């Protein structure tokens, strides 16, 4: 389920860190790098990809004669997701985009010592904590409605997306075999407006952004929230006039909120 939060490009979960209130340490840290675009206007094949890393720190309590001893265990996961789709124009600015998604992930604990302590105190074999591994394969798809309205005085992008990817374990430790359904709906809005200043002989744009994601199925409430929203603002530099690797650079500050969570993030995006 943790892996399911970062399978597709999403502003609300692109960088997520939740603190453990009892210790002050992050109980969950998640970061991802992702994006997508069409090959060309004449050949509207859509390709997307996301690479995500997460570190989850659940705490087990081992009962003793005088109380409970907290035993932290850290699970590290890496996942990569790809998507292949096609743009079907509905109007000049509105497109329907079905996407086939596939994902591959791996989870492993780095605290074998904690597993041995738990086994000694409980008499049980915590195989996954000692040397266990979880491999997961995900297959599913998304449906996106994409709106683009580009004019000299402002540019507007809007996307509504439904995603359903089922993750299934394979060649994994028996203790953690299973499956999870990663379903979500998301709405993303962005407007870029020239500021009147120029950088690299191109207008410097101000950017405002809104995003909202509703988590469904197994993801709903798994981390204590059912939805996340983001409000952001920033600037975008256009370097397309010059023959350099990056054509646009965008820096965004975002405030994120949802059930029981509040926070902020800094995001950097580039266009090639």
C-alpha atoms as a PDB file:
ATOM      1  CA  UNK A   1       0.000   0.000   0.000  1.00  0.00           C
ATOM      2  CA  UNK A   2       2.863   2.401   0.742  1.00  0.00           C
ATOM      3  CA  UNK A   3       4.202   1.779  -2.749  1.00  0.00           C
ATOM      4  CA  UNK A   4       0.767   2.512  -4.183  1.00  0.00           C
ATOM      5  CA  UNK A   5       0.913   6.192  -3.203  1.00  0.00           C
ATOM      6  CA  UNK A   6       3.702   6.993  -5.669  1.00  0.00           C
ATOM      7  CA  UNK A   7       3.041   4.950  -8.796  1.00  0.00           C
ATOM      8  CA  UNK A   8       2.071   7.864 -11.041  1.00  0.00           C
ATOM      9  CA  UNK A   9       3.101  11.531 -11.322  1.00  0.00           C
ATOM     10  CA  UNK A  10       1.148  13.331  -8.580  1.00  0.00           C
ATOM     11  CA  UNK A  11       1.866  16.726  -7.031  1.00  0.00           C
ATOM     12  CA  UNK A  12       0.328  15.791  -3.665  1.00  0.00           C
ATOM     13  CA  UNK A  13       2.516  12.704  -3.064  1.00  0.00           C
ATOM     14  CA  UNK A  14       5.605  13.607  -5.080  1.00  0.00           C
ATOM     15  CA  UNK A  15       7.393  14.551  -1.858  1.00  0.00           C
ATOM     16  CA  UNK A  16       5.806  13.346   1.371  1.00  0.00           C
ATOM     17  CA  UNK A  17       7.247  13.030   4.866  1.00  0.00           C
ATOM     18  CA  UNK A  18       5.106  12.228   7.913  1.00  0.00           C
ATOM     19  CA  UNK A  19       6.604  12.572  11.388  1.00  0.00           C
ATOM     20  CA  UNK A  20       6.183  10.065  14.193  1.00  0.00           C
ATOM     21  CA  UNK A  21       4.673  12.145  16.996  1.00  0.00           C
ATOM     22  CA  UNK A  22       6.059   9.897  19.723  1.00  0.00           C
ATOM     23  CA  UNK A  23       9.679  10.210  18.586  1.00  0.00           C
ATOM     24  CA  UNK A  24       9.743  13.290  16.383  1.00  0.00           C
ATOM     25  CA  UNK A  25      11.353  11.232  13.629  1.00  0.00           C
ATOM     26  CA  UNK A  26       9.832  10.694  10.194  1.00  0.00           C
ATOM     27  CA  UNK A  27       7.632   7.618  10.208  1.00  0.00           C
ATOM     28  CA  UNK A  28       7.367   7.872   6.433  1.00  0.00           C
ATOM     29  CA  UNK A  29       9.575   9.579   3.863  1.00  0.00           C
ATOM     30  CA  UNK A  30       8.640   9.426   0.203  1.00  0.00           C
ATOM     31  CA  UNK A  31      10.116  11.129  -2.854  1.00  0.00           C
ATOM     32  CA  UNK A  32       9.493  10.572  -6.548  1.00  0.00           C
ATOM     33  CA  UNK A  33      10.666  11.812  -9.919  1.00  0.00           C
ATOM     34  CA  UNK A  34       8.162  11.576 -12.720  1.00  0.00           C
ATOM     35  CA  UNK A  35       6.531  13.151 -15.730  1.00  0.00           C
ATOM     36  CA  UNK A  36       4.941  12.539 -19.067  1.00  0.00           C
ATOM     37  CA  UNK A  37       4.245  14.065 -22.473  1.00  0.00           C
ATOM     38  CA  UNK A  38       3.165  13.255 -26.004  1.00  0.00           C
ATOM     39  CA  UNK A  39       5.741  12.428 -28.663  1.00  0.00           C
ATOM     40  CA  UNK A  40       4.451  15.186 -30.967  1.00  0.00           C
ATOM     41  CA  UNK A  41       1.234  16.884 -31.984  1.00  0.00           C
ATOM     42  CA  UNK A  42       1.170  14.901 -35.224  1.00  0.00           C
ATOM     43  CA  UNK A  43       1.863  11.607 -33.430  1.00  0.00           C
ATOM     44  CA  UNK A  44       0.029  11.893 -30.062  1.00  0.00           C
ATOM     45  CA  UNK A  45       1.552   8.846 -28.363  1.00  0.00           C
ATOM     46  CA  UNK A  46       1.708   9.635 -24.642  1.00  0.00           C
ATOM     47  CA  UNK A  47       4.556   8.290 -22.507  1.00  0.00           C
ATOM     48  CA  UNK A  48       5.006   8.712 -18.761  1.00  0.00           C
ATOM     49  CA  UNK A  49       7.270   7.362 -16.062  1.00  0.00           C
ATOM     50  CA  UNK A  50       7.796   7.615 -12.315  1.00  0.00           C
ATOM     51  CA  UNK A  51      10.686   6.495 -10.121  1.00  0.00           C
ATOM     52  CA  UNK A  52       9.895   6.547  -6.390  1.00  0.00           C
ATOM     53  CA  UNK A  53      11.801   5.877  -3.180  1.00  0.00           C
ATOM     54  CA  UNK A  54      10.241   5.531   0.251  1.00  0.00           C
ATOM     55  CA  UNK A  55      11.341   4.714   3.776  1.00  0.00           C
ATOM     56  CA  UNK A  56       8.689   3.514   6.186  1.00  0.00           C
ATOM     57  CA  UNK A  57       9.367   3.155   9.910  1.00  0.00           C
ATOM     58  CA  UNK A  58       6.619   1.253  11.713  1.00  0.00           C
ATOM     59  CA  UNK A  59       7.330   0.650  15.403  1.00  0.00           C
ATOM     60  CA  UNK A  60       6.711  -2.691  17.076  1.00  0.00           C
ATOM     61  CA  UNK A  61       6.277  -2.876  20.836  1.00  0.00           C
ATOM     62  CA  UNK A  62       7.832  -5.869  22.572  1.00  0.00           C
ATOM     63  CA  UNK A  63       6.151  -6.589  25.911  1.00  0.00           C
ATOM     64  CA  UNK A  64       8.461  -7.154  28.887  1.00  0.00           C
ATOM     65  CA  UNK A  65       7.907  -7.687  32.582  1.00  0.00           C
ATOM     66  CA  UNK A  66       8.217  -3.958  33.281  1.00  0.00           C
ATOM     67  CA  UNK A  67       6.524  -2.544  30.191  1.00  0.00           C
ATOM     68  CA  UNK A  68       6.845  -2.362  26.432  1.00  0.00           C
ATOM     69  CA  UNK A  69      10.069  -1.749  24.556  1.00  0.00           C
ATOM     70  CA  UNK A  70       9.674   0.051  21.205  1.00  0.00           C
ATOM     71  CA  UNK A  71      11.547  -1.668  18.390  1.00  0.00           C
ATOM     72  CA  UNK A  72      11.811   0.428  15.228  1.00  0.00           C
ATOM     73  CA  UNK A  73      12.060  -1.350  11.904  1.00  0.00           C
ATOM     74  CA  UNK A  74      12.773   0.463   8.673  1.00  0.00           C
ATOM     75  CA  UNK A  75      11.398  -0.729   5.374  1.00  0.00           C
ATOM     76  CA  UNK A  76      12.921   0.691   2.223  1.00  0.00           C
ATOM     77  CA  UNK A  77      11.143   0.509  -1.105  1.00  0.00           C
ATOM     78  CA  UNK A  78      11.916   1.471  -4.669  1.00  0.00           C
ATOM     79  CA  UNK A  79       9.424   1.362  -7.494  1.00  0.00           C
ATOM     80  CA  UNK A  80       9.303   2.290 -11.132  1.00  0.00           C
ATOM     81  CA  UNK A  81       6.130   2.809 -13.145  1.00  0.00           C
ATOM     82  CA  UNK A  82       5.649   3.358 -16.854  1.00  0.00           C
ATOM     83  CA  UNK A  83       2.665   4.404 -18.857  1.00  0.00           C
ATOM     84  CA  UNK A  84       1.738   4.261 -22.549  1.00  0.00           C
ATOM     85  CA  UNK A  85      -1.309   6.108 -23.835  1.00  0.00           C
ATOM     86  CA  UNK A  86      -2.841   7.895 -26.778  1.00  0.00           C
ATOM     87  CA  UNK A  87      -4.544  11.272 -27.145  1.00  0.00           C
ATOM     88  CA  UNK A  88      -8.049  11.281 -28.608  1.00  0.00           C
ATOM     89  CA  UNK A  89      -9.147  14.884 -29.346  1.00  0.00           C
ATOM     90  CA  UNK A  90     -12.614  15.794 -28.108  1.00  0.00           C
ATOM     91  CA  UNK A  91     -12.344  19.497 -29.002  1.00  0.00           C
ATOM     92  CA  UNK A  92      -9.501  21.762 -30.066  1.00  0.00           C
ATOM     93  CA  UNK A  93      -8.288  22.069 -26.466  1.00  0.00           C
ATOM     94  CA  UNK A  94      -9.797  19.005 -24.778  1.00  0.00           C
ATOM     95  CA  UNK A  95      -8.350  15.490 -25.090  1.00  0.00           C
ATOM     96  CA  UNK A  96      -9.238  12.044 -23.761  1.00  0.00           C
ATOM     97  CA  UNK A  97      -6.166   9.992 -22.827  1.00  0.00           C
ATOM     98  CA  UNK A  98      -6.423   6.290 -21.858  1.00  0.00           C
ATOM     99  CA  UNK A  99      -3.155   4.960 -20.420  1.00  0.00           C
ATOM    100  CA  UNK A 100      -1.848   1.454 -19.808  1.00  0.00           C
ATOM    101  CA  UNK A 101       0.333   1.354 -16.660  1.00  0.00           C
ATOM    102  CA  UNK A 102       2.858  -1.213 -15.476  1.00  0.00           C
ATOM    103  CA  UNK A 103       4.955  -1.114 -12.332  1.00  0.00           C
ATOM    104  CA  UNK A 104       7.782  -3.010 -10.650  1.00  0.00           C
ATOM    105  CA  UNK A 105       8.768  -2.555  -7.002  1.00  0.00           C
ATOM    106  CA  UNK A 106      10.991  -3.964  -4.286  1.00  0.00           C
ATOM    107  CA  UNK A 107      10.770  -3.665  -0.475  1.00  0.00           C
ATOM    108  CA  UNK A 108      13.366  -4.742   2.063  1.00  0.00           C
ATOM    109  CA  UNK A 109      13.993  -4.249   5.786  1.00  0.00           C
ATOM    110  CA  UNK A 110      17.400  -2.996   6.899  1.00  0.00           C
ATOM    111  CA  UNK A 111      17.100  -3.944  10.571  1.00  0.00           C
ATOM    112  CA  UNK A 112      17.937  -7.613  10.855  1.00  0.00           C
ATOM    113  CA  UNK A 113      18.911  -7.014  14.491  1.00  0.00           C
ATOM    114  CA  UNK A 114      15.372  -5.960  15.356  1.00  0.00           C
ATOM    115  CA  UNK A 115      14.070  -9.154  13.769  1.00  0.00           C
ATOM    116  CA  UNK A 116      16.364 -11.296  15.898  1.00  0.00           C
ATOM    117  CA  UNK A 117      15.327  -9.472  19.087  1.00  0.00           C
ATOM    118  CA  UNK A 118      11.653  -9.919  18.272  1.00  0.00           C
ATOM    119  CA  UNK A 119      12.150 -13.610  17.593  1.00  0.00           C
ATOM    120  CA  UNK A 120      14.003 -14.153  20.871  1.00  0.00           C
ATOM    121  CA  UNK A 121      11.396 -12.337  22.956  1.00  0.00           C
ATOM    122  CA  UNK A 122       8.287 -13.696  21.272  1.00  0.00           C
ATOM    123  CA  UNK A 123       9.417 -17.127  20.153  1.00  0.00           C
ATOM    124  CA  UNK A 124       8.199 -16.390  16.642  1.00  0.00           C
ATOM    125  CA  UNK A 125      10.162 -16.192  13.475  1.00  0.00           C
ATOM    126  CA  UNK A 126       9.882 -12.712  11.940  1.00  0.00           C
ATOM    127  CA  UNK A 127      11.389 -13.753   8.627  1.00  0.00           C
ATOM    128  CA  UNK A 128      10.675 -10.545   6.761  1.00  0.00           C
ATOM    129  CA  UNK A 129      12.360  -8.339   9.373  1.00  0.00           C
ATOM    130  CA  UNK A 130      15.502 -10.482   9.305  1.00  0.00           C
ATOM    131  CA  UNK A 131      16.164 -11.142   5.665  1.00  0.00           C
ATOM    132  CA  UNK A 132      12.849 -10.952   3.897  1.00  0.00           C
ATOM    133  CA  UNK A 133      12.155  -9.318   0.591  1.00  0.00           C
ATOM    134  CA  UNK A 134       9.013  -8.240  -1.161  1.00  0.00           C
ATOM    135  CA  UNK A 135       8.865  -7.941  -4.938  1.00  0.00           C
ATOM    136  CA  UNK A 136       5.739  -6.485  -6.475  1.00  0.00           C
ATOM    137  CA  UNK A 137       4.425  -6.330 -10.019  1.00  0.00           C
ATOM    138  CA  UNK A 138       1.691  -3.874 -10.884  1.00  0.00           C
ATOM    139  CA  UNK A 139      -0.638  -3.819 -13.889  1.00  0.00           C
ATOM    140  CA  UNK A 140      -3.523  -1.486 -14.529  1.00  0.00           C
ATOM    141  CA  UNK A 141      -4.430   1.716 -16.246  1.00  0.00           C
ATOM    142  CA  UNK A 142      -5.576   5.295 -16.087  1.00  0.00           C
ATOM    143  CA  UNK A 143      -8.052   7.521 -17.875  1.00  0.00           C
ATOM    144  CA  UNK A 144      -7.192  11.206 -18.165  1.00  0.00           C
ATOM    145  CA  UNK A 145      -9.075  14.235 -19.477  1.00  0.00           C
ATOM    146  CA  UNK A 146      -6.543  16.886 -20.493  1.00  0.00           C
ATOM    147  CA  UNK A 147      -7.367  20.559 -21.163  1.00  0.00           C
ATOM    148  CA  UNK A 148      -4.811  22.988 -22.641  1.00  0.00           C
ATOM    149  CA  UNK A 149      -5.501  26.647 -23.424  1.00  0.00           C
ATOM    150  CA  UNK A 150      -2.335  28.523 -24.442  1.00  0.00           C
ATOM    151  CA  UNK A 151      -2.506  32.233 -25.255  1.00  0.00           C
ATOM    152  CA  UNK A 152       0.102  35.026 -25.146  1.00  0.00           C
ATOM    153  CA  UNK A 153      -1.536  36.622 -22.095  1.00  0.00           C
ATOM    154  CA  UNK A 154      -1.749  33.348 -20.096  1.00  0.00           C
ATOM    155  CA  UNK A 155      -1.495  29.570 -20.317  1.00  0.00           C
ATOM    156  CA  UNK A 156      -3.923  27.201 -18.588  1.00  0.00           C
ATOM    157  CA  UNK A 157      -3.492  23.451 -18.036  1.00  0.00           C
ATOM    158  CA  UNK A 158      -6.038  21.173 -16.360  1.00  0.00           C
ATOM    159  CA  UNK A 159      -6.076  17.404 -15.881  1.00  0.00           C
ATOM    160  CA  UNK A 160      -8.559  15.037 -14.309  1.00  0.00           C
ATOM    161  CA  UNK A 161      -7.337  11.472 -13.841  1.00  0.00           C
ATOM    162  CA  UNK A 162      -8.583   8.141 -12.529  1.00  0.00           C
ATOM    163  CA  UNK A 163      -5.938   5.457 -11.861  1.00  0.00           C
ATOM    164  CA  UNK A 164      -6.308   1.801 -10.900  1.00  0.00           C
ATOM    165  CA  UNK A 165      -3.139  -0.313 -10.590  1.00  0.00           C
ATOM    166  CA  UNK A 166      -3.174  -3.692  -8.820  1.00  0.00           C
ATOM    167  CA  UNK A 167       0.111  -4.669  -7.137  1.00  0.00           C
ATOM    168  CA  UNK A 168       0.799  -8.383  -6.686  1.00  0.00           C
ATOM    169  CA  UNK A 169       3.777  -9.908  -4.869  1.00  0.00           C
ATOM    170  CA  UNK A 170       6.035 -12.460  -6.585  1.00  0.00           C
ATOM    171  CA  UNK A 171       9.177 -14.341  -5.511  1.00  0.00           C
ATOM    172  CA  UNK A 172       8.735 -12.816  -2.040  1.00  0.00           C
ATOM    173  CA  UNK A 173       9.004 -13.974   1.556  1.00  0.00           C
ATOM    174  CA  UNK A 174       5.937 -15.968   2.515  1.00  0.00           C
ATOM    175  CA  UNK A 175       5.180 -13.629   5.442  1.00  0.00           C
ATOM    176  CA  UNK A 176       4.445 -10.699   3.140  1.00  0.00           C
ATOM    177  CA  UNK A 177       2.828 -12.266   0.090  1.00  0.00           C
ATOM    178  CA  UNK A 178      -0.319 -10.475  -0.996  1.00  0.00           C
ATOM    179  CA  UNK A 179      -1.789  -7.779  -3.167  1.00  0.00           C
ATOM    180  CA  UNK A 180      -2.979  -4.188  -2.942  1.00  0.00           C
ATOM    181  CA  UNK A 181      -5.186  -2.070  -5.155  1.00  0.00           C
ATOM    182  CA  UNK A 182      -3.849   1.443  -5.791  1.00  0.00           C
ATOM    183  CA  UNK A 183      -6.814   3.520  -6.886  1.00  0.00           C
ATOM    184  CA  UNK A 184      -7.106   7.303  -6.918  1.00  0.00           C
ATOM    185  CA  UNK A 185      -8.775  10.233  -8.617  1.00  0.00           C
ATOM    186  CA  UNK A 186      -6.908  13.502  -9.027  1.00  0.00           C
ATOM    187  CA  UNK A 187      -7.570  17.011 -10.288  1.00  0.00           C
ATOM    188  CA  UNK A 188      -4.699  19.318 -11.238  1.00  0.00           C
ATOM    189  CA  UNK A 189      -4.893  22.968 -12.394  1.00  0.00           C
ATOM    190  CA  UNK A 190      -2.111  25.361 -13.372  1.00  0.00           C
ATOM    191  CA  UNK A 191      -1.967  28.879 -14.818  1.00  0.00           C
ATOM    192  CA  UNK A 192       1.155  30.631 -16.098  1.00  0.00           C
ATOM    193  CA  UNK A 193       1.131  34.397 -16.629  1.00  0.00           C
ATOM    194  CA  UNK A 194       3.925  36.723 -17.903  1.00  0.00           C
ATOM    195  CA  UNK A 195       5.220  39.025 -15.143  1.00  0.00           C
ATOM    196  CA  UNK A 196       6.493  41.786 -17.430  1.00  0.00           C
ATOM    197  CA  UNK A 197      10.130  40.861 -16.747  1.00  0.00           C
ATOM    198  CA  UNK A 198      12.370  38.961 -19.136  1.00  0.00           C
ATOM    199  CA  UNK A 199      15.024  36.322 -18.509  1.00  0.00           C
ATOM    200  CA  UNK A 200      17.077  34.762 -21.351  1.00  0.00           C
ATOM    201  CA  UNK A 201      15.152  37.107 -23.703  1.00  0.00           C
ATOM    202  CA  UNK A 202      11.894  35.389 -22.809  1.00  0.00           C
ATOM    203  CA  UNK A 203       9.057  36.424 -20.462  1.00  0.00           C
ATOM    204  CA  UNK A 204       9.457  35.398 -16.834  1.00  0.00           C
ATOM    205  CA  UNK A 205       6.178  33.758 -15.867  1.00  0.00           C
ATOM    206  CA  UNK A 206       4.419  33.536 -12.537  1.00  0.00           C
ATOM    207  CA  UNK A 207       2.784  30.186 -11.844  1.00  0.00           C
ATOM    208  CA  UNK A 208      -0.160  29.273  -9.637  1.00  0.00           C
ATOM    209  CA  UNK A 209      -1.280  25.698  -9.103  1.00  0.00           C
ATOM    210  CA  UNK A 210      -4.051  23.721  -7.410  1.00  0.00           C
ATOM    211  CA  UNK A 211      -4.166  19.940  -6.948  1.00  0.00           C
ATOM    212  CA  UNK A 212      -6.465  17.530  -5.152  1.00  0.00           C
ATOM    213  CA  UNK A 213      -6.230  13.732  -4.876  1.00  0.00           C
ATOM    214  CA  UNK A 214      -8.802  11.334  -3.455  1.00  0.00           C
ATOM    215  CA  UNK A 215      -7.388   7.935  -2.467  1.00  0.00           C
ATOM    216  CA  UNK A 216      -9.652   4.937  -2.998  1.00  0.00           C
ATOM    217  CA  UNK A 217      -9.762   1.228  -2.208  1.00  0.00           C
ATOM    218  CA  UNK A 218      -6.781  -0.038  -0.149  1.00  0.00           C
ATOM    219  CA  UNK A 219      -5.095   3.392  -0.102  1.00  0.00           C
ATOM    220  CA  UNK A 220      -8.049   5.141   1.501  1.00  0.00           C
ATOM    221  CA  UNK A 221      -7.137   5.885   5.108  1.00  0.00           C
ATOM    222  CA  UNK A 222      -4.094   3.576   5.118  1.00  0.00           C
ATOM    223  CA  UNK A 223      -1.837   6.430   6.302  1.00  0.00           C
ATOM    224  CA  UNK A 224      -4.496   8.256   8.289  1.00  0.00           C
ATOM    225  CA  UNK A 225      -5.864  10.420   5.474  1.00  0.00           C
ATOM    226  CA  UNK A 226      -8.347   9.885   2.668  1.00  0.00           C
ATOM    227  CA  UNK A 227      -7.363  12.861   0.519  1.00  0.00           C
ATOM    228  CA  UNK A 228      -4.599  15.402   0.001  1.00  0.00           C
ATOM    229  CA  UNK A 229      -4.723  18.890  -1.502  1.00  0.00           C
ATOM    230  CA  UNK A 230      -1.975  21.241  -2.594  1.00  0.00           C
ATOM    231  CA  UNK A 231      -1.857  24.988  -3.271  1.00  0.00           C
ATOM    232  CA  UNK A 232       1.283  26.283  -4.943  1.00  0.00           C
ATOM    233  CA  UNK A 233       2.931  29.357  -6.433  1.00  0.00           C
ATOM    234  CA  UNK A 234       6.242  29.943  -8.156  1.00  0.00           C
ATOM    235  CA  UNK A 235       8.087  31.219 -11.215  1.00  0.00           C
ATOM    236  CA  UNK A 236       9.045  29.732 -14.557  1.00  0.00           C
ATOM    237  CA  UNK A 237      12.095  30.615 -16.639  1.00  0.00           C
ATOM    238  CA  UNK A 238      11.930  30.020 -20.409  1.00  0.00           C
ATOM    239  CA  UNK A 239      15.314  29.295 -22.024  1.00  0.00           C
ATOM    240  CA  UNK A 240      13.956  27.873 -25.284  1.00  0.00           C
ATOM    241  CA  UNK A 241      15.545  30.674 -27.342  1.00  0.00           C
ATOM    242  CA  UNK A 242      18.982  29.264 -26.624  1.00  0.00           C
ATOM    243  CA  UNK A 243      20.388  25.899 -27.622  1.00  0.00           C
ATOM    244  CA  UNK A 244      20.720  24.404 -24.130  1.00  0.00           C
ATOM    245  CA  UNK A 245      19.567  21.136 -22.645  1.00  0.00           C
ATOM    246  CA  UNK A 246      16.689  22.570 -20.567  1.00  0.00           C
ATOM    247  CA  UNK A 247      14.035  24.661 -22.305  1.00  0.00           C
ATOM    248  CA  UNK A 248      12.029  25.598 -19.171  1.00  0.00           C
ATOM    249  CA  UNK A 249      12.763  25.597 -15.452  1.00  0.00           C
ATOM    250  CA  UNK A 250      10.005  25.961 -12.864  1.00  0.00           C
ATOM    251  CA  UNK A 251      10.394  26.399  -9.101  1.00  0.00           C
ATOM    252  CA  UNK A 252       7.294  25.969  -6.931  1.00  0.00           C
ATOM    253  CA  UNK A 253       6.471  26.353  -3.266  1.00  0.00           C
ATOM    254  CA  UNK A 254       3.465  24.366  -2.132  1.00  0.00           C
ATOM    255  CA  UNK A 255       1.289  24.119   0.967  1.00  0.00           C
ATOM    256  CA  UNK A 256      -0.259  20.673   1.360  1.00  0.00           C
ATOM    257  CA  UNK A 257      -3.085  19.588   3.626  1.00  0.00           C
ATOM    258  CA  UNK A 258      -5.488  16.714   4.206  1.00  0.00           C
ATOM    259  CA  UNK A 259      -7.090  14.627   6.949  1.00  0.00           C
ATOM    260  CA  UNK A 260      -4.822  14.953  10.027  1.00  0.00           C
ATOM    261  CA  UNK A 261      -1.847  16.264   7.993  1.00  0.00           C
ATOM    262  CA  UNK A 262      -0.408  19.689   7.164  1.00  0.00           C
ATOM    263  CA  UNK A 263       2.876  20.571   5.521  1.00  0.00           C
ATOM    264  CA  UNK A 264       4.783  22.318   2.779  1.00  0.00           C
ATOM    265  CA  UNK A 265       7.182  21.415  -0.017  1.00  0.00           C
ATOM    266  CA  UNK A 266       9.515  22.881  -2.611  1.00  0.00           C
ATOM    267  CA  UNK A 267       9.329  21.443  -6.104  1.00  0.00           C
ATOM    268  CA  UNK A 268      11.547  21.806  -9.185  1.00  0.00           C
ATOM    269  CA  UNK A 269      10.378  20.862 -12.689  1.00  0.00           C
ATOM    270  CA  UNK A 270      12.120  21.025 -16.056  1.00  0.00           C
ATOM    271  CA  UNK A 271      11.023  20.732 -19.663  1.00  0.00           C
ATOM    272  CA  UNK A 272      13.350  19.530 -22.409  1.00  0.00           C
END
